Full PDB file with SEQRES, HELIX, SHEET, SSBOND, CRYST1, ORIGX, SCALE, CONECT and MASTER records, all heavy atoms in Angstrom:
SEQRES   1 A   40  SER THR LEU ALA LEU ASP ASP LEU ALA PHE GLU VAL PRO          
SEQRES   2 A   40  ARG GLY GLN ILE PHE GLY PHE LEU GLY ALA ASN GLY ALA          
SEQRES   3 A   40  GLY LYS THR THR THR MET ARG ILE CYS LEU GLY ILE LEU          
SEQRES   4 A   40  GLN                                                          
HELIX    1 AA1 LYS A   28  LEU A   36  1                                   9    
CRYST1    1.000    1.000    1.000  90.00  90.00  90.00 P 1           1          
ORIGX1      1.000000  0.000000  0.000000        0.00000                         
ORIGX2      0.000000  1.000000  0.000000        0.00000                         
ORIGX3      0.000000  0.000000  1.000000        0.00000                         
SCALE1      1.000000  0.000000  0.000000        0.00000                         
SCALE2      0.000000  1.000000  0.000000        0.00000                         
SCALE3      0.000000  0.000000  1.000000        0.00000                         
ATOM      1  N   SER A   1      23.670  43.603 -39.217  1.00  0.00           N  
ATOM      2  CA  SER A   1      23.452  44.045 -40.587  1.00  0.00           C  
ATOM      3  C   SER A   1      22.142  44.814 -40.759  1.00  0.00           C  
ATOM      4  O   SER A   1      21.843  45.298 -41.847  1.00  0.00           O  
ATOM      5  CB  SER A   1      23.426  42.838 -41.543  1.00  0.00           C  
ATOM      6  OG  SER A   1      22.374  41.943 -41.174  1.00  0.00           O  
ATOM      7  N   THR A   2      21.380  44.979 -39.659  1.00  0.00           N  
ATOM      8  CA  THR A   2      20.076  45.653 -39.742  1.00  0.00           C  
ATOM      9  C   THR A   2      20.219  47.110 -39.360  1.00  0.00           C  
ATOM     10  O   THR A   2      20.690  47.424 -38.255  1.00  0.00           O  
ATOM     11  CB  THR A   2      19.041  44.988 -38.817  1.00  0.00           C  
ATOM     12  OG1 THR A   2      18.895  43.605 -39.190  1.00  0.00           O  
ATOM     13  CG2 THR A   2      17.683  45.683 -38.878  1.00  0.00           C  
ATOM     14  N   LEU A   3      19.832  47.992 -40.247  1.00  0.00           N  
ATOM     15  CA  LEU A   3      19.818  49.434 -39.970  1.00  0.00           C  
ATOM     16  C   LEU A   3      18.452  49.752 -39.351  1.00  0.00           C  
ATOM     17  O   LEU A   3      17.445  49.874 -40.065  1.00  0.00           O  
ATOM     18  CB  LEU A   3      20.030  50.234 -41.237  1.00  0.00           C  
ATOM     19  CG  LEU A   3      20.089  51.761 -41.113  1.00  0.00           C  
ATOM     20  CD1 LEU A   3      21.209  52.189 -40.168  1.00  0.00           C  
ATOM     21  CD2 LEU A   3      20.249  52.423 -42.479  1.00  0.00           C  
ATOM     22  N   ALA A   4      18.419  49.911 -38.031  1.00  0.00           N  
ATOM     23  CA  ALA A   4      17.171  50.144 -37.320  1.00  0.00           C  
ATOM     24  C   ALA A   4      16.729  51.603 -37.362  1.00  0.00           C  
ATOM     25  O   ALA A   4      15.544  51.876 -37.550  1.00  0.00           O  
ATOM     26  CB  ALA A   4      17.299  49.692 -35.834  1.00  0.00           C  
ATOM     27  N   LEU A   5      17.684  52.515 -37.216  1.00  0.00           N  
ATOM     28  CA  LEU A   5      17.405  53.971 -37.297  1.00  0.00           C  
ATOM     29  C   LEU A   5      18.372  54.561 -38.292  1.00  0.00           C  
ATOM     30  O   LEU A   5      19.591  54.381 -38.161  1.00  0.00           O  
ATOM     31  CB  LEU A   5      17.532  54.648 -35.924  1.00  0.00           C  
ATOM     32  CG  LEU A   5      16.595  54.113 -34.822  1.00  0.00           C  
ATOM     33  CD1 LEU A   5      16.892  54.837 -33.512  1.00  0.00           C  
ATOM     34  CD2 LEU A   5      15.152  54.239 -35.213  1.00  0.00           C  
ATOM     35  N   ASP A   6      17.844  55.358 -39.218  1.00  0.00           N  
ATOM     36  CA  ASP A   6      18.657  55.875 -40.306  1.00  0.00           C  
ATOM     37  C   ASP A   6      18.565  57.399 -40.288  1.00  0.00           C  
ATOM     38  O   ASP A   6      17.693  57.982 -40.926  1.00  0.00           O  
ATOM     39  CB  ASP A   6      18.155  55.314 -41.643  1.00  0.00           C  
ATOM     40  CG  ASP A   6      19.003  55.734 -42.825  1.00  0.00           C  
ATOM     41  OD1 ASP A   6      20.052  56.363 -42.625  1.00  0.00           O  
ATOM     42  OD2 ASP A   6      18.589  55.454 -43.967  1.00  0.00           O  
ATOM     43  N   ASP A   7      19.460  58.041 -39.498  1.00  0.00           N  
ATOM     44  CA  ASP A   7      19.486  59.505 -39.433  1.00  0.00           C  
ATOM     45  C   ASP A   7      18.132  60.062 -39.015  1.00  0.00           C  
ATOM     46  O   ASP A   7      17.650  61.055 -39.578  1.00  0.00           O  
ATOM     47  CB  ASP A   7      19.922  60.094 -40.794  1.00  0.00           C  
ATOM     48  CG  ASP A   7      20.429  61.531 -40.661  1.00  0.00           C  
ATOM     49  OD1 ASP A   7      21.115  61.850 -39.675  1.00  0.00           O  
ATOM     50  OD2 ASP A   7      20.109  62.341 -41.584  1.00  0.00           O  
ATOM     51  N   LEU A   8      17.549  59.460 -37.984  1.00  0.00           N  
ATOM     52  CA  LEU A   8      16.224  59.827 -37.513  1.00  0.00           C  
ATOM     53  C   LEU A   8      16.244  61.195 -36.846  1.00  0.00           C  
ATOM     54  O   LEU A   8      17.060  61.443 -35.974  1.00  0.00           O  
ATOM     55  CB  LEU A   8      15.696  58.769 -36.526  1.00  0.00           C  
ATOM     56  CG  LEU A   8      14.262  58.912 -36.055  1.00  0.00           C  
ATOM     57  CD1 LEU A   8      13.304  58.577 -37.209  1.00  0.00           C  
ATOM     58  CD2 LEU A   8      14.004  57.985 -34.889  1.00  0.00           C  
ATOM     59  N   ALA A   9      15.332  62.079 -37.234  1.00  0.00           N  
ATOM     60  CA  ALA A   9      15.314  63.438 -36.659  1.00  0.00           C  
ATOM     61  C   ALA A   9      13.875  63.985 -36.620  1.00  0.00           C  
ATOM     62  O   ALA A   9      13.167  63.983 -37.619  1.00  0.00           O  
ATOM     63  CB  ALA A   9      16.189  64.358 -37.495  1.00  0.00           C  
ATOM     64  N   PHE A  10      13.437  64.405 -35.402  1.00  0.00           N  
ATOM     65  CA  PHE A  10      12.190  65.106 -35.231  1.00  0.00           C  
ATOM     66  C   PHE A  10      12.211  65.687 -33.813  1.00  0.00           C  
ATOM     67  O   PHE A  10      13.079  65.385 -32.985  1.00  0.00           O  
ATOM     68  CB  PHE A  10      10.969  64.233 -35.427  1.00  0.00           C  
ATOM     69  CG  PHE A  10      10.879  63.044 -34.473  1.00  0.00           C  
ATOM     70  CD1 PHE A  10      10.149  63.168 -33.296  1.00  0.00           C  
ATOM     71  CD2 PHE A  10      11.439  61.822 -34.794  1.00  0.00           C  
ATOM     72  CE1 PHE A  10      10.035  62.093 -32.427  1.00  0.00           C  
ATOM     73  CE2 PHE A  10      11.345  60.750 -33.930  1.00  0.00           C  
ATOM     74  CZ  PHE A  10      10.646  60.865 -32.746  1.00  0.00           C  
ATOM     75  N   GLU A  11      11.227  66.540 -33.503  1.00  0.00           N  
ATOM     76  CA  GLU A  11      11.121  67.173 -32.188  1.00  0.00           C  
ATOM     77  C   GLU A  11       9.716  66.958 -31.617  1.00  0.00           C  
ATOM     78  O   GLU A  11       8.733  66.961 -32.346  1.00  0.00           O  
ATOM     79  CB  GLU A  11      11.417  68.659 -32.245  1.00  0.00           C  
ATOM     80  CG  GLU A  11      12.867  68.985 -32.573  1.00  0.00           C  
ATOM     81  CD  GLU A  11      13.151  70.479 -32.478  1.00  0.00           C  
ATOM     82  OE1 GLU A  11      12.230  71.249 -32.123  1.00  0.00           O  
ATOM     83  OE2 GLU A  11      14.292  70.846 -32.714  1.00  0.00           O  
ATOM     84  N   VAL A  12       9.638  66.787 -30.306  1.00  0.00           N  
ATOM     85  CA  VAL A  12       8.385  66.670 -29.587  1.00  0.00           C  
ATOM     86  C   VAL A  12       8.248  67.856 -28.647  1.00  0.00           C  
ATOM     87  O   VAL A  12       9.030  68.018 -27.714  1.00  0.00           O  
ATOM     88  CB  VAL A  12       8.337  65.374 -28.748  1.00  0.00           C  
ATOM     89  CG1 VAL A  12       7.005  65.261 -28.021  1.00  0.00           C  
ATOM     90  CG2 VAL A  12       8.563  64.140 -29.660  1.00  0.00           C  
ATOM     91  N   PRO A  13       7.261  68.745 -28.852  1.00  0.00           N  
ATOM     92  CA  PRO A  13       7.127  69.896 -27.949  1.00  0.00           C  
ATOM     93  C   PRO A  13       6.700  69.451 -26.565  1.00  0.00           C  
ATOM     94  O   PRO A  13       5.975  68.466 -26.398  1.00  0.00           O  
ATOM     95  CB  PRO A  13       5.974  70.716 -28.659  1.00  0.00           C  
ATOM     96  CG  PRO A  13       5.967  70.238 -30.052  1.00  0.00           C  
ATOM     97  CD  PRO A  13       6.361  68.787 -30.008  1.00  0.00           C  
ATOM     98  N   ARG A  14       7.158  70.218 -25.590  1.00  0.00           N  
ATOM     99  CA  ARG A  14       6.773  69.920 -24.198  1.00  0.00           C  
ATOM    100  C   ARG A  14       5.276  70.094 -23.980  1.00  0.00           C  
ATOM    101  O   ARG A  14       4.633  70.924 -24.585  1.00  0.00           O  
ATOM    102  CB  ARG A  14       7.513  70.881 -23.249  1.00  0.00           C  
ATOM    103  CG  ARG A  14       7.220  70.614 -21.775  1.00  0.00           C  
ATOM    104  CD  ARG A  14       7.872  71.647 -20.870  1.00  0.00           C  
ATOM    105  NE  ARG A  14       7.545  71.416 -19.454  1.00  0.00           N  
ATOM    106  CZ  ARG A  14       8.260  70.678 -18.653  1.00  0.00           C  
ATOM    107  NH1 ARG A  14       9.363  70.080 -19.073  1.00  0.00           N  
ATOM    108  NH2 ARG A  14       7.884  70.495 -17.388  1.00  0.00           N  
ATOM    109  N   GLY A  15       4.716  69.196 -23.142  1.00  0.00           N  
ATOM    110  CA  GLY A  15       3.310  69.308 -22.790  1.00  0.00           C  
ATOM    111  C   GLY A  15       2.348  68.911 -23.873  1.00  0.00           C  
ATOM    112  O   GLY A  15       1.208  69.337 -23.882  1.00  0.00           O  
ATOM    113  N   GLN A  16       2.788  68.085 -24.824  1.00  0.00           N  
ATOM    114  CA  GLN A  16       1.928  67.609 -25.876  1.00  0.00           C  
ATOM    115  C   GLN A  16       1.752  66.092 -25.803  1.00  0.00           C  
ATOM    116  O   GLN A  16       2.581  65.378 -25.245  1.00  0.00           O  
ATOM    117  CB  GLN A  16       2.466  67.968 -27.260  1.00  0.00           C  
ATOM    118  CG  GLN A  16       2.204  69.409 -27.651  1.00  0.00           C  
ATOM    119  CD  GLN A  16       2.342  69.616 -29.159  1.00  0.00           C  
ATOM    120  OE1 GLN A  16       2.569  68.681 -29.917  1.00  0.00           O  
ATOM    121  NE2 GLN A  16       2.242  70.845 -29.581  1.00  0.00           N  
ATOM    122  N   ILE A  17       0.681  65.590 -26.408  1.00  0.00           N  
ATOM    123  CA  ILE A  17       0.504  64.188 -26.658  1.00  0.00           C  
ATOM    124  C   ILE A  17       0.965  63.954 -28.104  1.00  0.00           C  
ATOM    125  O   ILE A  17       0.394  64.536 -29.053  1.00  0.00           O  
ATOM    126  CB  ILE A  17      -0.950  63.768 -26.498  1.00  0.00           C  
ATOM    127  CG1 ILE A  17      -1.418  63.992 -25.065  1.00  0.00           C  
ATOM    128  CG2 ILE A  17      -1.111  62.270 -26.847  1.00  0.00           C  
ATOM    129  CD1 ILE A  17      -2.884  63.724 -24.803  1.00  0.00           C  
ATOM    130  N   PHE A  18       2.004  63.174 -28.259  1.00  0.00           N  
ATOM    131  CA  PHE A  18       2.681  63.018 -29.536  1.00  0.00           C  
ATOM    132  C   PHE A  18       2.595  61.583 -30.006  1.00  0.00           C  
ATOM    133  O   PHE A  18       2.938  60.673 -29.286  1.00  0.00           O  
ATOM    134  CB  PHE A  18       4.157  63.425 -29.395  1.00  0.00           C  
ATOM    135  CG  PHE A  18       4.934  63.477 -30.661  1.00  0.00           C  
ATOM    136  CD1 PHE A  18       5.048  64.654 -31.388  1.00  0.00           C  
ATOM    137  CD2 PHE A  18       5.609  62.351 -31.128  1.00  0.00           C  
ATOM    138  CE1 PHE A  18       5.768  64.725 -32.574  1.00  0.00           C  
ATOM    139  CE2 PHE A  18       6.336  62.403 -32.328  1.00  0.00           C  
ATOM    140  CZ  PHE A  18       6.415  63.603 -33.028  1.00  0.00           C  
ATOM    141  N   GLY A  19       2.110  61.383 -31.248  1.00  0.00           N  
ATOM    142  CA  GLY A  19       2.001  60.047 -31.798  1.00  0.00           C  
ATOM    143  C   GLY A  19       3.256  59.719 -32.568  1.00  0.00           C  
ATOM    144  O   GLY A  19       3.718  60.450 -33.423  1.00  0.00           O  
ATOM    145  N   PHE A  20       3.823  58.540 -32.263  1.00  0.00           N  
ATOM    146  CA  PHE A  20       5.042  58.044 -32.886  1.00  0.00           C  
ATOM    147  C   PHE A  20       4.623  56.767 -33.623  1.00  0.00           C  
ATOM    148  O   PHE A  20       4.510  55.683 -33.030  1.00  0.00           O  
ATOM    149  CB  PHE A  20       6.098  57.770 -31.831  1.00  0.00           C  
ATOM    150  CG  PHE A  20       7.461  57.464 -32.351  1.00  0.00           C  
ATOM    151  CD1 PHE A  20       7.949  58.075 -33.503  1.00  0.00           C  
ATOM    152  CD2 PHE A  20       8.309  56.586 -31.694  1.00  0.00           C  
ATOM    153  CE1 PHE A  20       9.220  57.831 -33.972  1.00  0.00           C  
ATOM    154  CE2 PHE A  20       9.566  56.321 -32.138  1.00  0.00           C  
ATOM    155  CZ  PHE A  20      10.039  56.930 -33.283  1.00  0.00           C  
ATOM    156  N   LEU A  21       4.376  56.884 -34.942  1.00  0.00           N  
ATOM    157  CA  LEU A  21       3.693  55.863 -35.691  1.00  0.00           C  
ATOM    158  C   LEU A  21       4.608  55.185 -36.696  1.00  0.00           C  
ATOM    159  O   LEU A  21       5.456  55.823 -37.336  1.00  0.00           O  
ATOM    160  CB  LEU A  21       2.488  56.463 -36.404  1.00  0.00           C  
ATOM    161  CG  LEU A  21       1.538  57.297 -35.550  1.00  0.00           C  
ATOM    162  CD1 LEU A  21       0.382  57.815 -36.387  1.00  0.00           C  
ATOM    163  CD2 LEU A  21       1.026  56.512 -34.375  1.00  0.00           C  
ATOM    164  N   GLY A  22       4.420  53.871 -36.870  1.00  0.00           N  
ATOM    165  CA  GLY A  22       5.179  53.154 -37.856  1.00  0.00           C  
ATOM    166  C   GLY A  22       4.790  51.685 -37.753  1.00  0.00           C  
ATOM    167  O   GLY A  22       4.258  51.224 -36.718  1.00  0.00           O  
ATOM    168  N   ALA A  23       5.032  50.941 -38.812  1.00  0.00           N  
ATOM    169  CA  ALA A  23       4.747  49.498 -38.802  1.00  0.00           C  
ATOM    170  C   ALA A  23       5.730  48.823 -37.857  1.00  0.00           C  
ATOM    171  O   ALA A  23       6.736  49.392 -37.414  1.00  0.00           O  
ATOM    172  CB  ALA A  23       4.892  48.922 -40.212  1.00  0.00           C  
ATOM    173  N   ASN A  24       5.436  47.562 -37.490  1.00  0.00           N  
ATOM    174  CA  ASN A  24       6.385  46.816 -36.651  1.00  0.00           C  
ATOM    175  C   ASN A  24       7.728  46.762 -37.333  1.00  0.00           C  
ATOM    176  O   ASN A  24       7.845  46.515 -38.538  1.00  0.00           O  
ATOM    177  CB  ASN A  24       5.867  45.390 -36.449  1.00  0.00           C  
ATOM    178  CG  ASN A  24       4.668  45.339 -35.532  1.00  0.00           C  
ATOM    179  OD1 ASN A  24       4.426  46.248 -34.763  1.00  0.00           O  
ATOM    180  ND2 ASN A  24       3.892  44.262 -35.635  1.00  0.00           N  
ATOM    181  N   GLY A  25       8.787  47.003 -36.538  1.00  0.00           N  
ATOM    182  CA  GLY A  25      10.120  46.989 -37.119  1.00  0.00           C  
ATOM    183  C   GLY A  25      10.588  48.302 -37.696  1.00  0.00           C  
ATOM    184  O   GLY A  25      11.692  48.388 -38.204  1.00  0.00           O  
ATOM    185  N   ALA A  26       9.783  49.355 -37.574  1.00  0.00           N  
ATOM    186  CA  ALA A  26      10.131  50.632 -38.200  1.00  0.00           C  
ATOM    187  C   ALA A  26      11.204  51.361 -37.358  1.00  0.00           C  
ATOM    188  O   ALA A  26      11.838  52.290 -37.875  1.00  0.00           O  
ATOM    189  CB  ALA A  26       8.898  51.512 -38.341  1.00  0.00           C  
ATOM    190  N   GLY A  27      11.328  51.011 -36.056  1.00  0.00           N  
ATOM    191  CA  GLY A  27      12.357  51.627 -35.218  1.00  0.00           C  
ATOM    192  C   GLY A  27      11.811  52.364 -34.020  1.00  0.00           C  
ATOM    193  O   GLY A  27      12.552  53.049 -33.314  1.00  0.00           O  
ATOM    194  N   LYS A  28      10.530  52.221 -33.738  1.00  0.00           N  
ATOM    195  CA  LYS A  28       9.916  52.966 -32.625  1.00  0.00           C  
ATOM    196  C   LYS A  28      10.482  52.544 -31.292  1.00  0.00           C  
ATOM    197  O   LYS A  28      10.856  53.367 -30.456  1.00  0.00           O  
ATOM    198  CB  LYS A  28       8.402  52.770 -32.648  1.00  0.00           C  
ATOM    199  CG  LYS A  28       7.732  53.143 -33.969  1.00  0.00           C  
ATOM    200  CD  LYS A  28       6.234  52.972 -33.892  1.00  0.00           C  
ATOM    201  CE  LYS A  28       5.760  51.564 -33.616  1.00  0.00           C  
ATOM    202  NZ  LYS A  28       6.132  50.586 -34.654  1.00  0.00           N  
ATOM    203  N   THR A  29      10.499  51.229 -31.034  1.00  0.00           N  
ATOM    204  CA  THR A  29      11.013  50.715 -29.764  1.00  0.00           C  
ATOM    205  C   THR A  29      12.466  51.049 -29.571  1.00  0.00           C  
ATOM    206  O   THR A  29      12.922  51.438 -28.463  1.00  0.00           O  
ATOM    207  CB  THR A  29      10.750  49.193 -29.643  1.00  0.00           C  
ATOM    208  OG1 THR A  29       9.380  48.957 -29.707  1.00  0.00           O  
ATOM    209  CG2 THR A  29      11.315  48.633 -28.358  1.00  0.00           C  
ATOM    210  N   THR A  30      13.237  50.943 -30.634  1.00  0.00           N  
ATOM    211  CA  THR A  30      14.664  51.275 -30.571  1.00  0.00           C  
ATOM    212  C   THR A  30      14.849  52.731 -30.160  1.00  0.00           C  
ATOM    213  O   THR A  30      15.683  53.029 -29.276  1.00  0.00           O  
ATOM    214  CB  THR A  30      15.308  51.028 -31.949  1.00  0.00           C  
ATOM    215  OG1 THR A  30      15.199  49.666 -32.291  1.00  0.00           O  
ATOM    216  CG2 THR A  30      16.786  51.418 -31.913  1.00  0.00           C  
ATOM    217  N   THR A  31      14.076  53.621 -30.745  1.00  0.00           N  
ATOM    218  CA  THR A  31      14.176  55.057 -30.373  1.00  0.00           C  
ATOM    219  C   THR A  31      13.848  55.267 -28.908  1.00  0.00           C  
ATOM    220  O   THR A  31      14.587  55.986 -28.208  1.00  0.00           O  
ATOM    221  CB  THR A  31      13.196  55.883 -31.239  1.00  0.00           C  
ATOM    222  OG1 THR A  31      13.488  55.619 -32.637  1.00  0.00           O  
ATOM    223  CG2 THR A  31      13.337  57.362 -30.979  1.00  0.00           C  
ATOM    224  N   MET A  32      12.771  54.637 -28.418  1.00  0.00           N  
ATOM    225  CA  MET A  32      12.403  54.818 -27.033  1.00  0.00           C  
ATOM    226  C   MET A  32      13.511  54.322 -26.100  1.00  0.00           C  
ATOM    227  O   MET A  32      13.822  54.940 -25.076  1.00  0.00           O  
ATOM    228  CB  MET A  32      11.101  54.113 -26.743  1.00  0.00           C  
ATOM    229  CG  MET A  32       9.900  54.751 -27.392  1.00  0.00           C  
ATOM    230  SD  MET A  32       8.351  53.910 -26.920  1.00  0.00           S  
ATOM    231  CE  MET A  32       7.133  54.870 -27.836  1.00  0.00           C  
ATOM    232  N   ARG A  33      14.106  53.210 -26.436  1.00  0.00           N  
ATOM    233  CA  ARG A  33      15.175  52.625 -25.572  1.00  0.00           C  
ATOM    234  C   ARG A  33      16.452  53.434 -25.587  1.00  0.00           C  
ATOM    235  O   ARG A  33      17.204  53.450 -24.639  1.00  0.00           O  
ATOM    236  CB  ARG A  33      15.395  51.198 -25.967  1.00  0.00           C  
ATOM    237  CG  ARG A  33      14.201  50.267 -25.601  1.00  0.00           C  
ATOM    238  CD  ARG A  33      14.417  48.848 -26.036  1.00  0.00           C  
ATOM    239  NE  ARG A  33      13.307  48.012 -25.522  1.00  0.00           N  
ATOM    240  CZ  ARG A  33      13.171  46.746 -25.804  1.00  0.00           C  
ATOM    241  NH1 ARG A  33      14.030  46.135 -26.590  1.00  0.00           N  
ATOM    242  NH2 ARG A  33      12.154  46.060 -25.289  1.00  0.00           N  
ATOM    243  N   ILE A  34      16.694  54.135 -26.699  1.00  0.00           N  
ATOM    244  CA  ILE A  34      17.835  55.061 -26.725  1.00  0.00           C  
ATOM    245  C   ILE A  34      17.538  56.261 -25.831  1.00  0.00           C  
ATOM    246  O   ILE A  34      18.387  56.744 -25.102  1.00  0.00           O  
ATOM    247  CB  ILE A  34      18.175  55.465 -28.165  1.00  0.00           C  
ATOM    248  CG1 ILE A  34      18.691  54.267 -28.955  1.00  0.00           C  
ATOM    249  CG2 ILE A  34      19.225  56.555 -28.173  1.00  0.00           C  
ATOM    250  CD1 ILE A  34      18.930  54.529 -30.415  1.00  0.00           C  
ATOM    251  N   CYS A  35      16.287  56.747 -25.871  1.00  0.00           N  
ATOM    252  CA  CYS A  35      15.900  57.832 -24.972  1.00  0.00           C  
ATOM    253  C   CYS A  35      16.205  57.456 -23.523  1.00  0.00           C  
ATOM    254  O   CYS A  35      16.691  58.280 -22.746  1.00  0.00           O  
ATOM    255  CB  CYS A  35      14.436  58.129 -25.138  1.00  0.00           C  
ATOM    256  SG  CYS A  35      13.918  59.020 -26.612  1.00  0.00           S  
ATOM    257  N   LEU A  36      15.873  56.213 -23.175  1.00  0.00           N  
ATOM    258  CA  LEU A  36      15.984  55.754 -21.800  1.00  0.00           C  
ATOM    259  C   LEU A  36      17.421  55.389 -21.391  1.00  0.00           C  
ATOM    260  O   LEU A  36      17.703  55.149 -20.225  1.00  0.00           O  
ATOM    261  CB  LEU A  36      15.075  54.529 -21.571  1.00  0.00           C  
ATOM    262  CG  LEU A  36      13.570  54.799 -21.738  1.00  0.00           C  
ATOM    263  CD1 LEU A  36      12.827  53.486 -21.846  1.00  0.00           C  
ATOM    264  CD2 LEU A  36      13.060  55.604 -20.572  1.00  0.00           C  
ATOM    265  N   GLY A  37      18.319  55.329 -22.353  1.00  0.00           N  
ATOM    266  CA  GLY A  37      19.686  54.940 -22.054  1.00  0.00           C  
ATOM    267  C   GLY A  37      19.877  53.450 -22.021  1.00  0.00           C  
ATOM    268  O   GLY A  37      20.972  52.960 -21.672  1.00  0.00           O  
ATOM    269  N   ILE A  38      18.863  52.658 -22.385  1.00  0.00           N  
ATOM    270  CA  ILE A  38      19.025  51.206 -22.440  1.00  0.00           C  
ATOM    271  C   ILE A  38      19.906  50.823 -23.595  1.00  0.00           C  
ATOM    272  O   ILE A  38      20.704  49.868 -23.493  1.00  0.00           O  
ATOM    273  CB  ILE A  38      17.627  50.534 -22.591  1.00  0.00           C  
ATOM    274  CG1 ILE A  38      16.769  50.838 -21.364  1.00  0.00           C  
ATOM    275  CG2 ILE A  38      17.740  49.058 -22.810  1.00  0.00           C  
ATOM    276  CD1 ILE A  38      15.307  50.486 -21.530  1.00  0.00           C  
ATOM    277  N   LEU A  39      19.808  51.547 -24.694  1.00  0.00           N  
ATOM    278  CA  LEU A  39      20.661  51.383 -25.839  1.00  0.00           C  
ATOM    279  C   LEU A  39      21.436  52.659 -26.126  1.00  0.00           C  
ATOM    280  O   LEU A  39      20.996  53.750 -25.717  1.00  0.00           O  
ATOM    281  CB  LEU A  39      19.825  51.042 -27.101  1.00  0.00           C  
ATOM    282  CG  LEU A  39      19.057  49.719 -27.067  1.00  0.00           C  
ATOM    283  CD1 LEU A  39      18.152  49.625 -28.266  1.00  0.00           C  
ATOM    284  CD2 LEU A  39      20.016  48.532 -27.024  1.00  0.00           C  
ATOM    285  N   GLN A  40      22.532  52.542 -26.795  1.00  0.00           N  
ATOM    286  CA  GLN A  40      23.343  53.695 -27.203  1.00  0.00           C  
ATOM    287  C   GLN A  40      23.228  53.857 -28.731  1.00  0.00           C  
ATOM    288  O   GLN A  40      23.338  52.904 -29.455  1.00  0.00           O  
ATOM    289  CB  GLN A  40      24.812  53.501 -26.822  1.00  0.00           C  
ATOM    290  CG  GLN A  40      25.015  53.436 -25.306  1.00  0.00           C  
ATOM    291  CD  GLN A  40      24.645  54.713 -24.592  1.00  0.00           C  
ATOM    292  OE1 GLN A  40      24.948  55.807 -25.032  1.00  0.00           O  
ATOM    293  NE2 GLN A  40      23.925  54.579 -23.480  1.00  0.00           N  
TER     294      GLN A  40                                                      
MASTER        0    0    0    1    0    0    0    6  293    1    0    4          
END                                                                             
């Protein structure tokens, strides 16, 4: 019943240091794990 990511959209340019900021539970770890293929 928990909506972890809600139509999340942004871009990270190559060769940059990019800050991905949010309070605990905002969806940061979920996004990273989808990048890695751990989650779908």
